[in-house]
Protein backbone atom coordinates (compact mmCIF):
# COMPACT_ATOMS: atom_id res chain seq x y z
CA MET A 1 84.44 -82.69 -28.88
CA ASP A 2 85.18 -79.06 -27.79
CA ASP A 3 88.86 -78.46 -27.53
CA PHE A 4 88.57 -75.49 -25.08
CA LEU A 5 88.72 -77.69 -22.12
CA THR A 6 92.15 -78.72 -21.59
CA SER A 7 92.09 -79.46 -17.79
CA TYR A 8 89.85 -80.76 -15.10
CA GLY A 9 90.01 -77.37 -13.29
CA GLU A 10 88.97 -75.61 -16.52
CA ALA A 11 86.22 -78.14 -17.06
CA ILE A 12 84.62 -77.41 -13.60
CA LYS A 13 84.86 -73.69 -14.13
CA ASP A 14 83.18 -74.07 -17.55
CA LEU A 15 80.53 -76.32 -16.00
CA PHE A 16 79.67 -73.51 -13.46
CA ALA A 17 80.02 -70.73 -16.02
CA ARG A 18 78.58 -72.06 -19.34
CA THR A 19 75.46 -73.96 -18.13
CA THR A 20 72.51 -71.92 -17.66
CA GLY A 21 72.63 -70.58 -14.05
CA GLY A 22 70.11 -70.67 -11.22
CA ILE A 23 67.57 -73.25 -10.16
CA LYS A 24 65.07 -74.43 -12.80
CA PRO A 25 62.54 -76.83 -11.50
CA GLY A 26 61.07 -79.48 -14.00
CA LEU A 27 62.15 -82.64 -15.39
CA GLU A 28 61.94 -82.08 -19.20
CA ARG A 29 65.54 -80.69 -19.67
CA THR A 30 67.06 -83.71 -17.67
CA GLU A 31 64.83 -86.25 -19.62
CA ALA A 32 66.00 -84.71 -22.92
CA LEU A 33 69.58 -84.74 -22.12
CA LEU A 34 69.55 -88.28 -20.91
CA ALA A 35 67.58 -89.37 -23.85
CA LYS A 36 70.53 -88.16 -26.02
CA MET A 37 72.73 -90.49 -24.13
CA GLY A 38 70.39 -93.52 -24.48
CA SER A 39 68.50 -93.02 -21.17
CA PRO A 40 71.25 -94.49 -18.87
CA HIS A 41 68.97 -93.83 -15.81
CA ARG A 42 66.54 -96.53 -17.00
CA LYS A 43 69.25 -99.06 -16.72
CA LEU A 44 69.89 -98.28 -13.02
CA THR A 45 68.46 -99.98 -9.79
CA THR A 46 68.16 -97.13 -7.56
CA ILE A 47 67.02 -95.79 -4.04
CA HIS A 48 65.63 -92.22 -3.90
CA VAL A 49 66.01 -90.08 -0.64
CA ALA A 50 64.51 -86.64 -0.12
CA GLY A 51 64.16 -84.51 2.99
CA THR A 52 65.10 -81.20 4.46
CA ASN A 53 67.41 -82.52 7.15
CA GLY A 54 68.99 -86.04 7.46
CA LYS A 55 68.88 -87.03 3.86
CA GLY A 56 72.79 -86.91 3.54
CA SER A 57 73.16 -89.24 6.64
CA VAL A 58 70.49 -91.63 5.28
CA VAL A 59 72.12 -91.85 1.83
CA ALA A 60 75.61 -92.37 3.30
CA THR A 61 74.28 -95.04 5.63
CA CYS A 62 72.37 -96.83 2.97
CA ASP A 63 75.57 -96.79 0.90
CA ALA A 64 77.48 -98.47 3.74
CA LEU A 65 74.88 -101.06 4.43
CA LEU A 66 74.67 -101.98 0.74
CA ARG A 67 78.49 -102.19 0.38
CA GLY A 68 78.44 -104.48 3.58
CA ARG A 69 76.72 -106.97 1.33
CA ASN A 70 79.59 -106.70 -1.19
CA LEU A 71 77.50 -104.86 -3.76
CA LYS A 72 78.85 -102.21 -6.11
CA VAL A 73 77.17 -98.97 -4.98
CA GLY A 74 76.85 -95.60 -6.67
CA ARG A 75 76.28 -92.60 -4.53
CA TYR A 76 74.94 -89.28 -5.74
CA MET A 77 74.90 -86.35 -3.32
CA SER A 78 75.05 -82.56 -3.30
CA PRO A 79 76.46 -80.09 -2.80
CA HIS A 80 80.21 -80.70 -2.46
CA LEU A 81 82.48 -79.34 0.14
CA ILE A 82 85.80 -79.01 -1.66
CA ASP A 83 85.90 -81.14 -4.78
CA PHE A 84 83.01 -81.47 -7.37
CA ARG A 85 83.90 -85.24 -7.61
CA GLU A 86 82.44 -85.73 -3.99
CA ARG A 87 79.02 -85.79 -5.57
CA ILE A 88 79.46 -88.82 -7.60
CA THR A 89 81.24 -91.93 -6.11
CA VAL A 90 81.23 -95.74 -6.63
CA ASN A 91 82.10 -97.81 -3.62
CA GLY A 92 83.51 -94.63 -2.04
CA GLU A 93 85.84 -93.80 -4.90
CA PRO A 94 85.01 -90.45 -6.71
CA ILE A 95 84.65 -90.17 -10.48
CA SER A 96 88.06 -89.47 -11.93
CA GLU A 97 89.05 -86.08 -13.13
CA GLY A 98 89.72 -87.39 -16.60
CA GLU A 99 86.19 -88.97 -16.75
CA VAL A 100 84.60 -85.68 -15.79
CA LEU A 101 86.71 -83.90 -18.33
CA GLU A 102 85.90 -86.07 -21.22
CA TRP A 103 82.27 -86.36 -20.45
CA LEU A 104 81.94 -82.42 -20.24
CA ARG A 105 83.70 -82.08 -23.54
CA GLN A 106 81.20 -84.17 -25.09
CA TRP A 107 78.01 -83.05 -23.54
CA ILE A 108 78.22 -79.31 -22.45
CA PRO A 109 77.26 -78.15 -26.15
CA THR A 110 74.23 -80.33 -25.86
CA ALA A 111 73.26 -79.12 -22.48
CA GLU A 112 73.58 -75.65 -23.59
CA ASP A 113 71.28 -76.20 -26.61
CA LEU A 114 68.73 -77.61 -24.18
CA GLY A 115 69.13 -74.84 -21.66
CA ALA A 116 70.17 -77.36 -18.91
CA SER A 117 71.20 -76.04 -15.56
CA PHE A 118 74.43 -77.10 -13.67
CA PHE A 119 72.60 -79.49 -11.54
CA GLU A 120 70.68 -81.08 -14.53
CA LEU A 121 73.83 -81.73 -16.30
CA THR A 122 75.62 -82.96 -13.30
CA THR A 123 72.66 -85.48 -12.65
CA ALA A 124 73.00 -86.68 -16.08
CA LEU A 125 76.72 -87.06 -15.66
CA ALA A 126 76.09 -89.21 -12.45
CA PHE A 127 73.50 -91.51 -14.04
CA ASP A 128 75.48 -92.09 -17.14
CA TRP A 129 78.61 -92.85 -15.18
CA PHE A 130 76.92 -95.11 -12.81
CA ALA A 131 75.46 -97.14 -15.78
CA ARG A 132 78.74 -97.44 -17.51
CA GLN A 133 80.18 -98.59 -14.20
CA GLU A 134 77.66 -101.28 -14.09
CA VAL A 135 76.80 -100.56 -10.43
CA ASP A 136 74.38 -102.99 -8.68
CA ILE A 137 72.48 -100.21 -7.09
CA ALA A 138 72.73 -96.36 -6.82
CA VAL A 139 71.65 -94.30 -3.70
CA ILE A 140 70.36 -90.88 -5.15
CA GLU A 141 69.81 -87.83 -3.11
CA THR A 142 67.45 -85.13 -4.44
CA GLY A 143 69.02 -81.64 -4.67
CA LEU A 144 65.96 -79.46 -3.94
CA GLY A 145 62.57 -80.60 -3.02
CA GLY A 146 61.42 -83.83 -4.88
CA ARG A 147 58.63 -83.60 -7.22
CA LEU A 148 60.33 -81.16 -9.80
CA ASP A 149 63.94 -82.11 -8.82
CA SER A 150 65.92 -83.41 -11.83
CA THR A 151 66.77 -86.64 -9.96
CA ASN A 152 62.99 -87.51 -10.16
CA VAL A 153 63.39 -88.92 -13.56
CA ILE A 154 64.41 -92.34 -12.02
CA MET A 155 61.90 -95.21 -11.11
CA PRO A 156 63.60 -96.21 -7.91
CA ARG A 157 63.11 -99.56 -6.13
CA VAL A 158 62.50 -97.62 -2.88
CA SER A 159 61.51 -93.80 -2.20
CA THR A 160 62.44 -92.48 1.20
CA VAL A 161 61.63 -89.03 2.76
CA THR A 162 63.65 -88.21 6.00
CA SER A 163 62.41 -85.20 7.80
CA ILE A 164 60.58 -81.93 6.77
CA GLY A 165 61.79 -78.39 7.83
CA LEU A 166 61.49 -74.90 6.74
CA ASP A 167 64.04 -74.31 4.05
CA HIS A 168 63.88 -73.05 0.38
CA THR A 169 60.44 -71.68 1.24
CA ASP A 170 60.72 -69.34 -1.85
CA LEU A 171 60.51 -72.45 -4.08
CA LEU A 172 58.85 -75.23 -1.93
CA GLY A 173 56.29 -73.29 0.04
CA GLY A 174 56.09 -71.42 3.31
CA THR A 175 54.50 -74.18 5.40
CA LEU A 176 55.77 -77.58 6.53
CA GLU A 177 52.69 -79.13 4.82
CA ALA A 178 53.50 -77.52 1.50
CA ILE A 179 57.20 -78.59 1.70
CA ALA A 180 56.19 -82.15 2.64
CA ARG A 181 53.93 -82.37 -0.48
CA GLU A 182 56.90 -81.31 -2.66
CA LYS A 183 59.23 -83.86 -1.02
CA ALA A 184 56.51 -86.46 -1.32
CA GLY A 185 56.69 -85.98 -5.07
CA ILE A 186 59.35 -88.78 -5.25
CA PHE A 187 56.77 -91.42 -4.15
CA LYS A 188 55.84 -93.65 -7.10
CA ARG A 189 53.15 -96.14 -7.95
CA GLY A 190 54.22 -99.71 -7.21
CA VAL A 191 57.34 -98.53 -5.23
CA PRO A 192 57.76 -98.90 -1.36
CA ALA A 193 57.75 -95.61 0.39
CA VAL A 194 59.79 -95.09 3.65
CA ILE A 195 58.98 -92.27 5.94
CA GLY A 196 61.39 -91.14 8.66
CA GLU A 197 59.60 -87.99 9.73
CA PRO A 198 59.35 -87.67 13.55
CA ASP A 199 56.29 -85.21 13.74
CA PRO A 200 53.08 -87.36 13.82
CA ARG A 201 51.10 -84.70 11.81
CA ILE A 202 53.55 -84.38 8.94
CA ARG A 203 54.38 -88.02 8.80
CA GLU A 204 50.63 -88.89 8.44
CA LEU A 205 50.44 -86.28 5.45
CA LEU A 206 53.47 -87.94 3.99
CA ALA A 207 51.89 -91.35 4.37
CA ASP A 208 48.60 -90.15 2.80
CA CYS A 209 50.82 -88.74 -0.05
CA ALA A 210 52.48 -92.20 -0.52
CA ARG A 211 49.18 -93.94 -0.54
CA ASP A 212 47.78 -91.41 -3.10
CA ALA A 213 50.61 -92.06 -5.36
CA GLY A 214 49.97 -95.81 -5.28
CA ALA A 215 53.05 -96.84 -3.34
CA SER A 216 53.23 -100.65 -2.83
CA ASP A 217 54.09 -100.28 0.75
CA VAL A 218 54.18 -97.37 3.27
CA VAL A 219 56.66 -97.82 5.87
CA VAL A 220 56.35 -95.36 8.57
CA LEU A 221 59.35 -95.60 10.87
CA ASP A 222 57.58 -95.23 14.13
CA GLU A 223 55.05 -97.83 13.13
CA ARG A 224 57.46 -100.69 12.26
CA TYR A 225 60.52 -99.86 14.29
CA GLN A 226 61.27 -98.70 17.77
CA VAL A 227 64.57 -96.64 18.55
CA LYS A 228 65.36 -96.46 22.26
CA GLY A 229 68.26 -96.29 24.78
CA ILE A 230 70.30 -93.68 22.85
CA THR A 231 73.76 -92.96 24.11
CA LEU A 232 76.47 -90.87 22.76
CA SER A 233 80.33 -91.33 23.24
CA ASP A 234 83.45 -90.27 21.24
CA ASP A 235 82.99 -93.44 19.34
CA GLY A 236 79.54 -92.54 17.84
CA THR A 237 75.87 -93.10 18.74
CA SER A 238 74.59 -96.28 20.19
CA PHE A 239 70.79 -97.31 20.30
CA MET A 240 68.52 -100.30 20.64
CA LEU A 241 66.56 -100.97 17.40
CA THR A 242 63.41 -103.13 17.67
CA GLU A 243 61.47 -104.59 14.74
CA HIS A 244 58.66 -107.22 15.58
CA GLU A 245 60.61 -109.85 17.51
CA SER A 246 64.15 -108.74 16.48
CA ARG A 247 66.01 -106.46 18.96
CA GLN A 248 69.63 -105.39 18.51
CA ARG A 249 71.99 -102.63 19.97
CA LEU A 250 73.62 -100.92 17.18
CA THR A 251 76.29 -98.21 16.83
CA THR A 252 76.94 -95.62 14.05
CA PRO A 253 79.95 -93.47 13.97
CA ARG A 254 77.67 -90.49 13.16
CA LEU A 255 77.34 -88.31 16.30
CA GLY A 256 73.92 -87.15 17.70
CA GLN A 257 70.61 -88.52 18.99
CA HIS A 258 69.20 -87.60 15.64
CA GLN A 259 71.63 -90.09 13.87
CA ALA A 260 69.80 -93.04 15.63
CA ARG A 261 66.66 -92.15 13.84
CA ASN A 262 68.70 -91.54 10.53
CA THR A 263 70.30 -94.96 10.90
CA ALA A 264 66.96 -96.62 11.54
CA THR A 265 65.50 -94.95 8.53
CA ALA A 266 68.37 -96.21 6.37
CA ILE A 267 67.86 -99.60 7.62
CA ALA A 268 64.21 -99.55 6.93
CA THR A 269 64.93 -98.23 3.32
CA VAL A 270 67.37 -101.12 2.54
CA ALA A 271 65.05 -103.61 4.22
CA ALA A 272 62.34 -102.35 1.79
CA LEU A 273 64.49 -103.63 -1.11
CA GLY A 274 64.19 -107.31 0.07
CA ASP A 275 66.13 -109.81 1.93
CA ASP A 276 68.98 -109.97 -0.49
CA TYR A 277 70.00 -106.30 0.33
CA LEU A 278 70.17 -106.09 4.08
CA SER A 279 72.99 -107.65 6.21
CA ARG A 280 71.99 -110.08 8.95
CA VAL A 281 71.33 -108.26 12.29
CA ALA A 282 74.38 -109.50 13.87
CA ASP A 283 76.45 -107.84 10.95
CA LEU A 284 74.69 -104.45 10.85
CA SER A 285 77.09 -102.65 13.17
CA THR A 286 79.98 -103.98 11.16
CA ALA A 287 78.56 -102.30 8.10
CA LEU A 288 77.53 -99.24 9.99
CA ALA A 289 81.14 -98.64 11.18
CA THR A 290 82.09 -97.75 7.60
CA VAL A 291 79.62 -94.88 7.19
CA PHE A 292 81.47 -91.71 6.01
CA LEU A 293 79.99 -88.34 5.57
CA PRO A 294 82.32 -85.35 5.92
CA GLY A 295 81.03 -82.05 7.34
CA ARG A 296 78.28 -83.40 9.41
CA PHE A 297 79.33 -82.96 13.17
CA GLN A 298 82.79 -84.00 12.09
CA ARG A 299 85.22 -83.70 14.99
CA GLU A 300 88.83 -83.06 14.39
CA GLY A 301 90.57 -82.40 17.69
CA ASN A 302 88.60 -79.55 19.47
CA ILE A 303 87.04 -78.53 16.09
CA VAL A 304 83.45 -79.52 15.04
CA LEU A 305 82.52 -78.95 11.38
CA ASP A 306 78.74 -79.02 10.54
CA VAL A 307 77.00 -77.76 7.40
CA ALA A 308 73.81 -76.79 9.41
CA HIS A 309 72.23 -74.13 7.25
CA ASN A 310 68.76 -73.73 8.78
CA PRO A 311 67.44 -73.25 12.43
CA ALA A 312 66.48 -76.94 12.67
CA GLY A 313 69.93 -78.17 11.67
CA ALA A 314 71.44 -75.60 14.17
CA ARG A 315 69.23 -76.84 17.05
CA THR A 316 70.35 -80.50 16.29
CA VAL A 317 74.05 -79.28 16.52
CA VAL A 318 73.38 -77.65 19.88
CA LYS A 319 71.58 -80.65 21.17
CA THR A 320 74.84 -82.82 20.24
CA ILE A 321 77.15 -80.34 21.64
CA THR A 322 75.24 -80.28 24.90
CA ASP A 323 74.83 -84.23 25.03
CA LEU A 324 78.58 -84.59 24.59
CA SER A 325 79.33 -81.86 27.06
CA LEU A 326 81.99 -80.46 24.65
CA ARG A 327 84.67 -78.29 26.43
CA ALA A 328 84.13 -74.67 27.03
CA PRO A 329 84.57 -71.80 26.15
CA ARG A 330 82.74 -72.65 22.96
CA THR A 331 83.41 -70.38 19.83
CA ALA A 332 81.28 -70.45 16.60
CA LEU A 333 82.88 -69.39 13.37
CA ILE A 334 79.86 -68.88 11.29
CA ALA A 335 79.00 -67.70 7.83
CA VAL A 336 75.63 -68.21 6.21
CA LEU A 337 74.22 -67.55 2.76
CA SER A 338 71.94 -64.38 2.68
CA ASP A 339 68.91 -66.37 1.51
CA LYS A 340 68.82 -68.46 4.67
CA ASP A 341 67.33 -67.79 7.95
CA TRP A 342 70.48 -66.74 9.60
CA ARG A 343 68.93 -64.99 12.42
CA GLY A 344 67.18 -68.21 13.34
CA ILE A 345 70.38 -70.06 13.15
CA ILE A 346 72.11 -67.70 15.43
CA THR A 347 69.27 -67.76 17.81
CA GLU A 348 69.31 -71.56 17.97
CA LEU A 349 73.09 -71.77 18.45
CA ALA A 350 73.23 -69.07 21.16
CA PRO A 351 72.57 -71.33 24.23
CA ALA A 352 75.54 -73.46 23.53
CA ILE A 353 78.04 -70.84 22.20
CA ASP A 354 80.14 -68.42 24.29
CA ARG A 355 81.45 -66.36 21.47
CA PHE A 356 80.69 -65.86 17.82
CA VAL A 357 82.95 -64.91 15.06
CA PHE A 358 81.08 -63.76 11.97
CA THR A 359 82.67 -63.93 8.62
CA ASP A 360 82.17 -64.58 4.86
CA ALA A 361 82.84 -67.87 2.99
CA PRO A 362 85.25 -67.21 0.06
CA SER A 363 83.51 -69.75 -2.06
CA ALA A 364 79.99 -68.32 -1.49
CA PRO A 365 78.34 -67.03 -4.63
CA ASP A 366 78.52 -63.20 -4.88
CA GLU A 367 74.74 -62.88 -5.05
CA ARG A 368 74.18 -64.94 -1.89
CA ARG A 369 76.82 -63.27 0.39
CA TRP A 370 75.44 -62.27 3.64
CA SER A 371 76.57 -59.34 5.81
CA PRO A 372 78.68 -60.42 8.80
CA VAL A 373 78.34 -56.87 10.20
CA GLU A 374 74.59 -57.05 10.17
CA ALA A 375 74.82 -60.51 11.78
CA ALA A 376 77.11 -59.18 14.54
CA SER A 377 74.58 -56.31 15.08
CA PHE A 378 71.76 -58.75 15.45
CA ALA A 379 73.91 -60.84 17.89
CA ALA A 380 74.77 -57.63 20.02
CA GLN A 381 71.24 -56.70 20.31
CA ARG A 382 70.50 -60.08 22.03
CA GLY A 383 73.54 -59.69 24.36
CA LEU A 384 75.72 -62.24 22.45
CA ASP A 385 79.52 -61.95 22.34
CA GLY A 386 80.52 -61.66 18.71
CA ASP A 387 83.47 -60.56 16.61
CA VAL A 388 83.53 -59.55 12.87
CA ARG A 389 86.49 -60.73 10.65
CA SER A 390 85.36 -60.45 7.02
CA ASP A 391 88.57 -62.05 5.83
CA PHE A 392 88.06 -65.79 6.25
CA ASP A 393 91.63 -66.66 7.15
CA ALA A 394 91.80 -64.02 9.84
CA ALA A 395 88.44 -65.25 11.23
CA LEU A 396 89.72 -68.81 11.40
CA SER A 397 92.71 -67.78 13.20
CA THR A 398 90.82 -65.45 15.61
CA ALA A 399 88.12 -68.18 16.28
CA ARG A 400 90.66 -70.71 17.30
CA GLU A 401 92.34 -68.39 19.94
CA GLY A 402 91.38 -69.74 23.38
CA ALA A 403 88.54 -71.95 22.10
CA GLY A 404 87.93 -75.06 24.13
CA THR A 405 85.58 -76.09 21.30
CA LEU A 406 85.36 -74.41 17.95
CA LEU A 407 82.23 -75.06 15.84
CA ILE A 408 82.49 -74.08 12.17
CA THR A 409 79.08 -73.94 10.61
CA GLY A 410 76.39 -72.04 8.51
CA SER A 411 76.81 -73.58 5.07
CA PHE A 412 78.60 -76.19 2.78
CA HIS A 413 80.75 -73.21 1.70
CA THR A 414 81.83 -72.35 5.11
CA VAL A 415 82.79 -75.95 5.95
CA GLY A 416 84.47 -76.65 2.70
CA ASP A 417 86.41 -73.44 2.87
CA ALA A 418 87.53 -74.46 6.43
CA MET A 419 88.30 -77.99 5.44
CA SER A 420 90.64 -76.68 2.70
CA ARG A 421 92.58 -74.51 5.11
CA LEU A 422 92.68 -77.24 7.71
CA HIS A 423 93.90 -79.73 5.15
CA LEU A 424 91.09 -82.22 5.75
CA SER A 425 90.04 -84.46 2.86
CA PRO A 426 86.36 -84.75 1.89
CA PHE A 427 87.04 -88.39 0.74
CA ALA A 428 87.11 -91.47 3.11
CA GLY A 429 90.47 -92.82 4.06
């Protein structure tokens, strides 16, 4: 073991600094690293979830539904908001700092020899820990895309694609069709495929991809289920879910009309596992009540935190703010990574926001920092009220002044940095 890692904090810094930086599509390095460990991913029963938006909510909801059946459930998600350990949990409990430290001491040298990236090493850590914890099932979220994402080394029991939007176009393609084909790369021969995409044209493309891959069943949400009667309240989102002769009003604590569809997609996913995995219809709302996903339209008093980082996500935030008639004046504290469509995000937010405060997230990578001044200029050209406070703490203080509702958004970094300063935990309970 390397003796240079003496604390969890040093281990995480080393993980970021010593592993090969950047995004490296492909499965070969992950497969090679896992092979050195005895291929723990081959021992796991898994659900695999991809999508541009909604995949985090679907993963979290699958987790809650499966735990509602008293199963031991692993959950792998990314990125994290505050603590690296948010990415890897079993029954809601994060991997321990000591476990991360010892594992990295052992495997970072091997990862460096293989040229493994940060995400590839993290994925291997998750699969190895889940196997050693002997989880009954693990719910795995893709990091980027699907076909070449390092999580795609698993042979899941169900593969689910939530929805498709324009994001990471430099890596996944510049059209919805191209991105859909990349996400559809998680579909496997002999494995049920679940498709939650609302656009008829794109979901038919996804269904064709699933059939071409040899999926054992292709579950298109809108063909098997009906989601109607959606209502929002401070307690969450309620809706009527119909499947064949079964009809039940369900409630999820996740806020937004889109969360009805995300919840239905998760139910369809767990149902595709078989009868042993899904709770009785009468017990579904009890299981759903335990769904926890920080930073996704998370309300704390008059503050809303949402990690929306593309125009589609911003549009969904605006829809939810409007549906809930959140109190005016509404201020948005916003910091976006430079490679995202920040102009589109600002444009989508504008109808629901009275004032913008543009800032920079301290945890954002230097090479991806945007210009708050340029963003403010863009807003001013469109007649929007905006301030620039480059210092994040000053921006948060300014944004809170006089706000009936304060929306904090633009990236995981922005929300995570705000949560740290507001002393909000990213863990349930």
